[in-house]
Each structure stands twice: as C-alpha cells, then as structure tokens.
Amino acid sequence: MYKIHADNTLIYDSTLEDYKLLKGTLSLETNKSGSFSFTIPPTHFYYNDFVKLKTVISIRKSNEIIFRGRVLNDSDDYRNNKNFTCEGELGFLQDSVIRPFEFTGTPEELFVKFITEHNSQVDDFKKFKIGTVTVKDPNNLIVRSNTAYESTLSNMNSRLINDSLGGYFYITHGEDGTE
C-alpha cells in the first residue's frame, strides 16, 4: 500500500476516500534525481498549500520511503485540477555551490567535503547525513581540482562518479533523518 505526504501531511492513501489523487507517475533512476508527477482535484483539502521548491513530497510503500523530493512546478488543466511535477532529493545538491578547490586524499574524504559544504549552504530539509562510503581508489589517494563555481551535484558527478572511480549515490532514510 502506498501513502504520499506533503511535508508531514498525508495527502494520499488508497484506503481513504478524501485522500485520493487523480493520477500519479513515479520515475526512479540510478544516479539521477528521479521524478514524481501527480494531479489533484480542486476539492482536495491540500489544493492551495503546495509551495514550489519548499514542499517536500514523500512516497511510502509499506511504510518505507521510496521517493522524497520537492515540488518544482504546477499547472492547472481545464477542469482546475492541479498537475504537479516533483524532483527527487538528489536534486537538492544543485542548490549549493562548491568553491574552487584543490584536493588530495581519499574518495571518501572528497565526498565528505562536498556534503559538508552542501549542508552549510542549504535549509535543513535539504541536508544529508553521510552513511557508508564504499567507493575506493586502488592507491587510496586521488587528486582533484576545480577552478569554477559549480553545483555540488556537478562536482560529485564529474570528480567522483564519472571518472575512473564509478559508483552510485544511494540515499537512505533512517529514524533520525536522511543518511
């Protein structure tokens, strides 16, 4: 059974008549934000309460979060239904900028540097806790630099994932928040 929350408010439950959506489409992708689009009627109790880039949408399946993200945009159709598009939480890493840097150390240390800088620049709901980092370098030493001001996500992709290290971003949701 699926349940959908907007911030901490239940907005969809298939077993409750007042908590219905007209349609919903979830797209999950590896190392990408993923997306969720849904439509609600004008009679829905939460109809006017969504705030672009602030309202956090979470989808739970059997009480486990399978998607978490924010409302990017909305539009009305000819029946005044609202169509929403949401971006997954990996997109939060586009809201922070990594200053130019030179780095020598382990892949885990660079990952920690990126997440720490990201967390220092964003609202609490966009922050991440660092869990287990399993990507290793054969020498356990990498050298990276950047002279531009780029988003955290761009830096993580180009300086950790897309180079010779490979790997995946995997976000989990613990009892004490996002890990």
N, C-alpha and C. Protein backbone atom coordinates (compact mmCIF):
# COMPACT_ATOMS: atom_id res chain seq x y z
N MET A 1 0.83 -1.18 0.00
CA MET A 1 0.00 0.00 0.00
C MET A 1 0.88 1.25 0.00
N TYR A 2 0.49 2.22 -0.79
CA TYR A 2 1.23 3.47 -0.93
C TYR A 2 0.54 4.58 -0.14
N LYS A 3 1.40 5.45 0.43
CA LYS A 3 0.92 6.68 1.06
C LYS A 3 1.83 7.80 0.60
N ILE A 4 1.24 8.98 0.41
CA ILE A 4 2.02 10.13 -0.03
C ILE A 4 1.79 11.26 0.97
N HIS A 5 2.90 11.89 1.37
CA HIS A 5 2.86 13.01 2.29
C HIS A 5 3.40 14.27 1.60
N ALA A 6 2.82 15.40 1.93
CA ALA A 6 3.35 16.70 1.56
C ALA A 6 3.81 17.31 2.88
N ASP A 7 5.11 17.50 2.99
CA ASP A 7 5.74 17.82 4.27
C ASP A 7 5.32 16.70 5.24
N ASN A 8 4.66 16.97 6.31
CA ASN A 8 4.26 15.90 7.23
C ASN A 8 2.76 15.60 7.17
N THR A 9 2.10 16.11 6.13
CA THR A 9 0.65 15.91 6.00
C THR A 9 0.34 14.82 4.99
N LEU A 10 -0.45 13.86 5.40
CA LEU A 10 -0.89 12.80 4.49
C LEU A 10 -1.80 13.40 3.43
N ILE A 11 -1.46 13.20 2.14
CA ILE A 11 -2.30 13.72 1.06
C ILE A 11 -2.87 12.61 0.18
N TYR A 12 -2.33 11.39 0.31
CA TYR A 12 -2.86 10.26 -0.46
C TYR A 12 -2.77 8.98 0.36
N ASP A 13 -3.89 8.27 0.39
CA ASP A 13 -3.98 6.94 0.98
C ASP A 13 -5.07 6.22 0.21
N SER A 14 -4.72 5.13 -0.42
CA SER A 14 -5.67 4.43 -1.28
C SER A 14 -6.88 3.88 -0.52
N THR A 15 -6.78 3.80 0.79
CA THR A 15 -7.89 3.25 1.57
C THR A 15 -8.85 4.32 2.08
N LEU A 16 -8.51 5.60 1.86
CA LEU A 16 -9.34 6.69 2.37
C LEU A 16 -9.86 7.55 1.23
N GLU A 17 -11.15 7.75 1.15
CA GLU A 17 -11.79 8.46 0.04
C GLU A 17 -11.33 9.91 -0.08
N ASP A 18 -11.15 10.62 1.04
CA ASP A 18 -10.75 12.03 0.99
C ASP A 18 -9.27 12.23 0.66
N TYR A 19 -8.53 11.16 0.56
CA TYR A 19 -7.08 11.23 0.34
C TYR A 19 -6.71 10.59 -0.99
N LYS A 20 -7.41 10.98 -2.04
CA LYS A 20 -7.19 10.41 -3.37
C LYS A 20 -6.50 11.43 -4.28
N LEU A 21 -5.72 10.91 -5.22
CA LEU A 21 -5.15 11.71 -6.30
C LEU A 21 -5.81 11.24 -7.59
N LEU A 22 -5.85 12.10 -8.60
CA LEU A 22 -6.43 11.70 -9.87
C LEU A 22 -5.49 10.80 -10.66
N LYS A 23 -4.20 11.10 -10.58
CA LYS A 23 -3.19 10.24 -11.21
C LYS A 23 -1.83 10.56 -10.62
N GLY A 24 -0.91 9.62 -10.80
CA GLY A 24 0.45 9.81 -10.33
C GLY A 24 1.40 8.93 -11.11
N THR A 25 2.59 9.47 -11.41
CA THR A 25 3.60 8.74 -12.15
C THR A 25 4.95 8.95 -11.47
N LEU A 26 5.58 7.84 -11.09
CA LEU A 26 6.86 7.88 -10.41
C LEU A 26 7.94 7.33 -11.33
N SER A 27 9.06 8.04 -11.43
CA SER A 27 10.19 7.60 -12.24
C SER A 27 11.44 7.63 -11.36
N LEU A 28 12.03 6.48 -11.12
CA LEU A 28 13.25 6.38 -10.32
C LEU A 28 14.41 6.02 -11.24
N GLU A 29 15.56 6.70 -11.06
CA GLU A 29 16.71 6.48 -11.92
C GLU A 29 17.97 6.37 -11.08
N THR A 30 18.92 5.60 -11.57
CA THR A 30 20.21 5.45 -10.90
C THR A 30 21.05 6.70 -11.11
N ASN A 31 21.59 7.25 -10.03
CA ASN A 31 22.45 8.44 -10.02
C ASN A 31 21.78 9.68 -10.61
N LYS A 32 20.47 9.69 -10.64
CA LYS A 32 19.71 10.87 -11.07
C LYS A 32 18.63 11.13 -10.05
N SER A 33 18.05 12.30 -10.11
CA SER A 33 17.07 12.72 -9.11
C SER A 33 15.78 11.91 -9.13
N GLY A 34 15.37 11.47 -10.30
CA GLY A 34 14.07 10.84 -10.39
C GLY A 34 12.99 11.91 -10.35
N SER A 35 11.76 11.50 -10.61
CA SER A 35 10.68 12.47 -10.62
C SER A 35 9.36 11.81 -10.23
N PHE A 36 8.45 12.65 -9.81
CA PHE A 36 7.10 12.22 -9.49
C PHE A 36 6.16 13.29 -9.97
N SER A 37 5.17 12.91 -10.77
CA SER A 37 4.15 13.86 -11.19
C SER A 37 2.79 13.32 -10.74
N PHE A 38 1.94 14.24 -10.33
CA PHE A 38 0.62 13.84 -9.85
C PHE A 38 -0.39 14.95 -10.09
N THR A 39 -1.65 14.58 -10.04
CA THR A 39 -2.75 15.52 -10.27
C THR A 39 -3.75 15.40 -9.14
N ILE A 40 -4.20 16.56 -8.64
CA ILE A 40 -5.23 16.58 -7.60
C ILE A 40 -6.40 17.45 -8.06
N PRO A 41 -7.59 17.11 -7.61
CA PRO A 41 -8.77 17.91 -7.97
C PRO A 41 -8.85 19.16 -7.10
N PRO A 42 -9.63 20.16 -7.52
CA PRO A 42 -9.76 21.39 -6.73
C PRO A 42 -10.44 21.15 -5.38
N THR A 43 -11.08 20.01 -5.20
CA THR A 43 -11.74 19.70 -3.92
C THR A 43 -10.78 19.08 -2.90
N HIS A 44 -9.56 18.78 -3.32
CA HIS A 44 -8.59 18.18 -2.40
C HIS A 44 -8.25 19.19 -1.30
N PHE A 45 -8.22 18.73 -0.06
CA PHE A 45 -8.02 19.63 1.09
C PHE A 45 -6.65 20.33 1.07
N TYR A 46 -5.67 19.81 0.36
CA TYR A 46 -4.32 20.40 0.34
C TYR A 46 -4.08 21.21 -0.94
N TYR A 47 -5.11 21.40 -1.73
CA TYR A 47 -5.04 22.00 -3.07
C TYR A 47 -4.21 23.29 -3.13
N ASN A 48 -4.39 24.20 -2.19
CA ASN A 48 -3.71 25.50 -2.22
C ASN A 48 -2.49 25.59 -1.33
N ASP A 49 -2.03 24.49 -0.77
CA ASP A 49 -0.98 24.54 0.24
C ASP A 49 0.41 24.15 -0.26
N PHE A 50 0.55 23.75 -1.51
CA PHE A 50 1.86 23.38 -2.05
C PHE A 50 2.67 24.63 -2.34
N VAL A 51 3.95 24.61 -1.97
CA VAL A 51 4.85 25.74 -2.22
C VAL A 51 6.02 25.23 -3.06
N LYS A 52 6.19 25.83 -4.23
CA LYS A 52 7.27 25.42 -5.12
C LYS A 52 8.62 25.51 -4.42
N LEU A 53 9.44 24.50 -4.62
CA LEU A 53 10.79 24.37 -4.09
C LEU A 53 10.86 24.22 -2.57
N LYS A 54 9.74 24.25 -1.88
CA LYS A 54 9.72 24.12 -0.42
C LYS A 54 8.96 22.90 0.06
N THR A 55 7.81 22.61 -0.54
CA THR A 55 7.01 21.48 -0.10
C THR A 55 7.74 20.18 -0.44
N VAL A 56 7.98 19.36 0.56
CA VAL A 56 8.65 18.08 0.38
C VAL A 56 7.60 16.98 0.25
N ILE A 57 7.69 16.27 -0.85
CA ILE A 57 6.78 15.15 -1.13
C ILE A 57 7.52 13.85 -0.83
N SER A 58 6.89 12.98 -0.08
CA SER A 58 7.48 11.65 0.15
C SER A 58 6.45 10.58 -0.15
N ILE A 59 6.91 9.54 -0.82
CA ILE A 59 6.06 8.40 -1.16
C ILE A 59 6.56 7.22 -0.34
N ARG A 60 5.63 6.61 0.35
CA ARG A 60 5.97 5.44 1.17
C ARG A 60 5.25 4.21 0.63
N LYS A 61 5.99 3.13 0.57
CA LYS A 61 5.41 1.83 0.22
C LYS A 61 5.67 0.92 1.41
N SER A 62 4.59 0.43 2.00
CA SER A 62 4.71 -0.40 3.22
C SER A 62 5.55 0.32 4.28
N ASN A 63 5.30 1.62 4.43
CA ASN A 63 5.94 2.48 5.42
C ASN A 63 7.43 2.75 5.17
N GLU A 64 7.96 2.37 4.01
CA GLU A 64 9.35 2.66 3.65
C GLU A 64 9.36 3.74 2.58
N ILE A 65 10.18 4.78 2.76
CA ILE A 65 10.24 5.86 1.78
C ILE A 65 10.91 5.36 0.51
N ILE A 66 10.18 5.47 -0.62
CA ILE A 66 10.75 5.08 -1.91
C ILE A 66 11.05 6.29 -2.80
N PHE A 67 10.50 7.44 -2.42
CA PHE A 67 10.78 8.69 -3.13
C PHE A 67 10.62 9.83 -2.15
N ARG A 68 11.54 10.79 -2.25
CA ARG A 68 11.45 12.02 -1.47
C ARG A 68 11.99 13.12 -2.35
N GLY A 69 11.24 14.21 -2.45
CA GLY A 69 11.68 15.31 -3.29
C GLY A 69 10.85 16.55 -3.03
N ARG A 70 10.96 17.49 -3.94
CA ARG A 70 10.27 18.77 -3.76
C ARG A 70 9.44 19.09 -4.99
N VAL A 71 8.44 19.92 -4.77
CA VAL A 71 7.59 20.37 -5.87
C VAL A 71 8.38 21.39 -6.69
N LEU A 72 8.52 21.10 -7.99
CA LEU A 72 9.21 22.02 -8.88
C LEU A 72 8.25 23.00 -9.54
N ASN A 73 7.14 22.49 -10.03
CA ASN A 73 6.18 23.38 -10.69
C ASN A 73 4.80 22.76 -10.70
N ASP A 74 3.83 23.59 -11.04
CA ASP A 74 2.46 23.12 -11.14
C ASP A 74 1.76 23.84 -12.29
N SER A 75 0.70 23.24 -12.75
CA SER A 75 -0.13 23.86 -13.78
C SER A 75 -1.57 23.40 -13.57
N ASP A 76 -2.49 24.19 -14.06
CA ASP A 76 -3.91 23.86 -13.96
C ASP A 76 -4.40 23.35 -15.30
N ASP A 77 -5.31 22.39 -15.27
CA ASP A 77 -5.92 21.94 -16.52
C ASP A 77 -7.29 22.62 -16.67
N TYR A 78 -8.01 22.27 -17.70
CA TYR A 78 -9.28 22.95 -17.99
C TYR A 78 -10.36 22.68 -16.94
N ARG A 79 -10.17 21.68 -16.08
CA ARG A 79 -11.12 21.39 -15.00
C ARG A 79 -10.65 21.94 -13.66
N ASN A 80 -9.60 22.75 -13.68
CA ASN A 80 -8.99 23.33 -12.49
C ASN A 80 -8.26 22.30 -11.62
N ASN A 81 -8.00 21.11 -12.17
CA ASN A 81 -7.14 20.17 -11.48
C ASN A 81 -5.72 20.71 -11.51
N LYS A 82 -4.95 20.46 -10.47
CA LYS A 82 -3.55 20.90 -10.45
C LYS A 82 -2.66 19.71 -10.77
N ASN A 83 -1.75 19.95 -11.72
CA ASN A 83 -0.76 18.96 -12.11
C ASN A 83 0.59 19.41 -11.53
N PHE A 84 1.19 18.56 -10.72
CA PHE A 84 2.45 18.88 -10.07
C PHE A 84 3.57 18.01 -10.62
N THR A 85 4.76 18.60 -10.72
CA THR A 85 5.97 17.87 -11.06
C THR A 85 6.94 18.04 -9.91
N CYS A 86 7.48 16.91 -9.44
CA CYS A 86 8.42 16.92 -8.32
C CYS A 86 9.76 16.36 -8.76
N GLU A 87 10.82 16.90 -8.19
CA GLU A 87 12.18 16.44 -8.42
C GLU A 87 12.66 15.70 -7.19
N GLY A 88 13.33 14.57 -7.39
CA GLY A 88 13.85 13.78 -6.27
C GLY A 88 14.91 14.52 -5.49
N GLU A 89 15.17 14.05 -4.28
CA GLU A 89 16.05 14.76 -3.35
C GLU A 89 17.50 14.86 -3.79
N LEU A 90 17.96 14.04 -4.72
CA LEU A 90 19.32 14.21 -5.23
C LEU A 90 19.46 15.59 -5.87
N GLY A 91 18.36 16.13 -6.36
CA GLY A 91 18.34 17.48 -6.94
C GLY A 91 18.66 18.57 -5.92
N PHE A 92 18.53 18.28 -4.63
CA PHE A 92 18.89 19.27 -3.61
C PHE A 92 20.36 19.65 -3.73
N LEU A 93 21.17 18.74 -4.27
CA LEU A 93 22.61 19.00 -4.41
C LEU A 93 22.91 20.03 -5.51
N GLN A 94 21.88 20.45 -6.24
CA GLN A 94 22.06 21.52 -7.23
C GLN A 94 21.88 22.90 -6.58
N ASP A 95 21.44 22.94 -5.34
CA ASP A 95 21.16 24.20 -4.66
C ASP A 95 22.35 24.74 -3.89
N SER A 96 23.48 24.07 -3.97
CA SER A 96 24.69 24.54 -3.30
C SER A 96 25.83 24.58 -4.30
N VAL A 97 26.82 25.40 -3.99
CA VAL A 97 27.96 25.61 -4.89
C VAL A 97 29.25 25.26 -4.17
N ILE A 98 30.11 24.54 -4.86
CA ILE A 98 31.44 24.24 -4.33
C ILE A 98 32.40 25.28 -4.89
N ARG A 99 33.08 25.95 -4.00
CA ARG A 99 34.05 26.97 -4.43
C ARG A 99 35.25 26.27 -5.08
N PRO A 100 36.02 27.02 -5.88
CA PRO A 100 37.22 26.41 -6.48
C PRO A 100 38.09 25.75 -5.40
N PHE A 101 38.66 24.60 -5.75
CA PHE A 101 39.42 23.85 -4.75
C PHE A 101 40.51 23.01 -5.40
N GLU A 102 41.46 22.63 -4.58
CA GLU A 102 42.46 21.61 -4.92
C GLU A 102 42.38 20.59 -3.81
N PHE A 103 42.34 19.33 -4.17
CA PHE A 103 42.14 18.27 -3.18
C PHE A 103 43.08 17.10 -3.43
N THR A 104 43.63 16.58 -2.35
CA THR A 104 44.40 15.34 -2.37
C THR A 104 43.95 14.53 -1.16
N GLY A 105 43.49 13.30 -1.40
CA GLY A 105 43.02 12.47 -0.30
C GLY A 105 42.26 11.27 -0.83
N THR A 106 41.42 10.69 -0.01
CA THR A 106 40.65 9.51 -0.41
C THR A 106 39.32 9.93 -1.04
N PRO A 107 38.70 9.04 -1.81
CA PRO A 107 37.38 9.36 -2.35
C PRO A 107 36.38 9.69 -1.24
N GLU A 108 36.44 8.97 -0.13
CA GLU A 108 35.52 9.24 0.97
C GLU A 108 35.73 10.65 1.53
N GLU A 109 36.97 11.08 1.66
CA GLU A 109 37.24 12.43 2.18
C GLU A 109 36.69 13.50 1.25
N LEU A 110 36.81 13.29 -0.06
CA LEU A 110 36.27 14.26 -1.01
C LEU A 110 34.74 14.28 -0.94
N PHE A 111 34.13 13.11 -0.83
CA PHE A 111 32.68 13.03 -0.70
C PHE A 111 32.22 13.77 0.56
N VAL A 112 32.91 13.55 1.67
CA VAL A 112 32.58 14.24 2.92
C VAL A 112 32.72 15.75 2.76
N LYS A 113 33.76 16.19 2.08
CA LYS A 113 33.97 17.62 1.83
C LYS A 113 32.78 18.20 1.06
N PHE A 114 32.35 17.51 0.01
CA PHE A 114 31.24 18.01 -0.80
C PHE A 114 29.94 18.08 0.01
N ILE A 115 29.63 17.04 0.74
CA ILE A 115 28.37 17.02 1.52
C ILE A 115 28.42 18.05 2.64
N THR A 116 29.56 18.20 3.29
CA THR A 116 29.71 19.19 4.36
C THR A 116 29.49 20.61 3.82
N GLU A 117 30.09 20.91 2.67
CA GLU A 117 29.89 22.24 2.07
C GLU A 117 28.44 22.44 1.65
N HIS A 118 27.85 21.41 1.06
CA HIS A 118 26.43 21.50 0.67
C HIS A 118 25.57 21.80 1.89
N ASN A 119 25.75 21.02 2.97
CA ASN A 119 24.92 21.18 4.17
C ASN A 119 25.07 22.56 4.80
N SER A 120 26.23 23.19 4.63
CA SER A 120 26.44 24.52 5.23
C SER A 120 25.70 25.62 4.47
N GLN A 121 25.18 25.31 3.28
CA GLN A 121 24.56 26.33 2.43
C GLN A 121 23.05 26.20 2.27
N VAL A 122 22.45 25.12 2.76
CA VAL A 122 21.04 24.86 2.44
C VAL A 122 20.16 24.76 3.68
N ASP A 123 18.85 24.83 3.45
CA ASP A 123 17.87 24.64 4.51
C ASP A 123 17.98 23.22 5.07
N ASP A 124 17.50 23.04 6.28
CA ASP A 124 17.61 21.75 6.95
C ASP A 124 17.01 20.60 6.15
N PHE A 125 15.88 20.82 5.48
CA PHE A 125 15.24 19.71 4.77
C PHE A 125 16.04 19.25 3.56
N LYS A 126 17.06 20.01 3.16
CA LYS A 126 17.90 19.63 2.03
C LYS A 126 19.24 19.04 2.45
N LYS A 127 19.45 18.89 3.74
CA LYS A 127 20.72 18.39 4.24
C LYS A 127 20.77 16.87 4.22
N PHE A 128 21.99 16.35 4.10
CA PHE A 128 22.23 14.91 4.08
C PHE A 128 23.18 14.53 5.20
N LYS A 129 22.99 13.34 5.73
CA LYS A 129 23.94 12.73 6.66
C LYS A 129 24.74 11.72 5.85
N ILE A 130 25.98 11.57 6.19
CA ILE A 130 26.84 10.67 5.44
C ILE A 130 26.79 9.28 6.06
N GLY A 131 26.46 8.32 5.24
CA GLY A 131 26.41 6.93 5.68
C GLY A 131 27.71 6.23 5.30
N THR A 132 27.58 5.05 4.76
CA THR A 132 28.73 4.25 4.39
C THR A 132 29.19 4.61 2.98
N VAL A 133 30.47 4.91 2.84
CA VAL A 133 31.07 5.18 1.53
C VAL A 133 31.91 3.97 1.17
N THR A 134 31.54 3.30 0.08
CA THR A 134 32.23 2.06 -0.29
C THR A 134 33.16 2.20 -1.49
N VAL A 135 33.11 3.34 -2.19
CA VAL A 135 33.99 3.53 -3.34
C VAL A 135 35.42 3.73 -2.85
N LYS A 136 36.31 2.99 -3.43
CA LYS A 136 37.74 3.09 -3.07
C LYS A 136 38.57 3.32 -4.32
N ASP A 137 39.72 3.87 -4.15
CA ASP A 137 40.71 4.02 -5.21
C ASP A 137 41.81 2.99 -4.94
N PRO A 138 42.35 2.34 -5.96
CA PRO A 138 43.39 1.34 -5.72
C PRO A 138 44.56 1.85 -4.87
N ASN A 139 44.91 3.12 -5.05
CA ASN A 139 46.00 3.72 -4.26
C ASN A 139 45.50 4.38 -2.99
N ASN A 140 44.16 4.46 -2.87
CA ASN A 140 43.51 5.18 -1.78
C ASN A 140 43.95 6.64 -1.72
N LEU A 141 44.26 7.20 -2.90
CA LEU A 141 44.68 8.59 -2.99
C LEU A 141 44.24 9.14 -4.34
N ILE A 142 43.45 10.20 -4.31
CA ILE A 142 43.03 10.86 -5.54
C ILE A 142 43.42 12.32 -5.47
N VAL A 143 43.61 12.92 -6.63
CA VAL A 143 43.92 14.34 -6.74
C VAL A 143 42.86 14.95 -7.65
N ARG A 144 42.14 15.93 -7.14
CA ARG A 144 41.08 16.58 -7.90
C ARG A 144 41.17 18.08 -7.67
N SER A 145 40.69 18.84 -8.66
CA SER A 145 40.62 20.30 -8.51
C SER A 145 39.51 20.83 -9.40
N ASN A 146 39.14 22.06 -9.12
CA ASN A 146 38.15 22.74 -9.93
C ASN A 146 38.39 24.24 -9.76
N THR A 147 38.43 24.96 -10.86
CA THR A 147 38.63 26.41 -10.80
C THR A 147 37.32 27.18 -10.96
N ALA A 148 36.24 26.44 -11.20
CA ALA A 148 34.94 27.08 -11.41
C ALA A 148 34.06 26.94 -10.18
N TYR A 149 33.02 27.73 -10.13
CA TYR A 149 31.99 27.61 -9.10
C TYR A 149 30.88 26.76 -9.69
N GLU A 150 30.82 25.50 -9.30
CA GLU A 150 29.83 24.57 -9.83
C GLU A 150 29.00 24.00 -8.70
N SER A 151 27.82 23.47 -9.05
CA SER A 151 26.95 22.87 -8.04
C SER A 151 27.63 21.66 -7.41
N THR A 152 27.18 21.32 -6.22
CA THR A 152 27.70 20.14 -5.54
C THR A 152 27.45 18.90 -6.38
N LEU A 153 26.26 18.78 -6.95
CA LEU A 153 25.93 17.61 -7.76
C LEU A 153 26.86 17.49 -8.96
N SER A 154 27.11 18.59 -9.64
CA SER A 154 28.01 18.58 -10.79
C SER A 154 29.41 18.13 -10.38
N ASN A 155 29.91 18.66 -9.28
CA ASN A 155 31.23 18.28 -8.78
C ASN A 155 31.27 16.80 -8.40
N MET A 156 30.23 16.33 -7.73
CA MET A 156 30.21 14.92 -7.31
C MET A 156 30.19 14.00 -8.53
N ASN A 157 29.40 14.36 -9.53
CA ASN A 157 29.36 13.53 -10.73
C ASN A 157 30.69 13.54 -11.48
N SER A 158 31.25 14.72 -11.72
CA SER A 158 32.44 14.81 -12.55
C SER A 158 33.73 14.43 -11.82
N ARG A 159 33.78 14.56 -10.50
CA ARG A 159 35.02 14.30 -9.78
C ARG A 159 35.02 13.03 -8.94
N LEU A 160 33.86 12.37 -8.88
CA LEU A 160 33.79 11.10 -8.14
C LEU A 160 33.20 9.98 -9.00
N ILE A 161 32.02 10.19 -9.52
CA ILE A 161 31.29 9.11 -10.19
C ILE A 161 31.74 8.89 -11.63
N ASN A 162 31.78 9.94 -12.44
CA ASN A 162 32.02 9.79 -13.88
C ASN A 162 33.47 9.60 -14.26
N ASP A 163 34.39 9.75 -13.31
CA ASP A 163 35.78 9.49 -13.66
C ASP A 163 36.05 8.00 -13.45
N SER A 164 37.24 7.62 -13.23
CA SER A 164 37.60 6.20 -13.14
C SER A 164 37.06 5.50 -11.90
N LEU A 165 36.51 6.22 -10.93
CA LEU A 165 36.05 5.60 -9.69
C LEU A 165 34.72 4.87 -9.83
N GLY A 166 33.79 5.44 -10.61
CA GLY A 166 32.47 4.83 -10.76
C GLY A 166 31.69 4.94 -9.45
N GLY A 167 30.68 4.09 -9.29
CA GLY A 167 29.90 4.07 -8.06
C GLY A 167 28.51 4.63 -8.25
N TYR A 168 27.76 4.62 -7.16
CA TYR A 168 26.37 5.05 -7.17
C TYR A 168 26.07 5.89 -5.94
N PHE A 169 25.17 6.86 -6.12
CA PHE A 169 24.63 7.58 -4.98
C PHE A 169 23.40 6.82 -4.52
N TYR A 170 23.33 6.53 -3.25
CA TYR A 170 22.19 5.81 -2.71
C TYR A 170 21.77 6.50 -1.43
N ILE A 171 20.57 7.05 -1.42
CA ILE A 171 20.08 7.79 -0.28
C ILE A 171 19.17 6.88 0.53
N THR A 172 19.43 6.78 1.81
CA THR A 172 18.58 6.02 2.70
C THR A 172 17.93 6.97 3.70
N HIS A 173 16.88 6.50 4.34
CA HIS A 173 16.14 7.33 5.28
C HIS A 173 16.07 6.62 6.61
N GLY A 174 16.90 7.06 7.55
CA GLY A 174 16.92 6.45 8.88
C GLY A 174 15.92 7.10 9.80
N GLU A 175 15.82 6.55 10.99
CA GLU A 175 14.91 7.07 12.00
C GLU A 175 15.23 8.53 12.35
N ASP A 176 16.52 8.88 12.29
CA ASP A 176 16.93 10.23 12.69
C ASP A 176 17.13 11.15 11.49
N GLY A 177 16.61 10.79 10.34
CA GLY A 177 16.70 11.66 9.18
C GLY A 177 17.35 10.98 8.01
N THR A 178 17.67 11.77 6.98
CA THR A 178 18.25 11.25 5.75
C THR A 178 19.72 10.94 5.96
N GLU A 179 20.11 9.75 5.56
CA GLU A 179 21.52 9.34 5.69
C GLU A 179 22.15 9.26 4.33
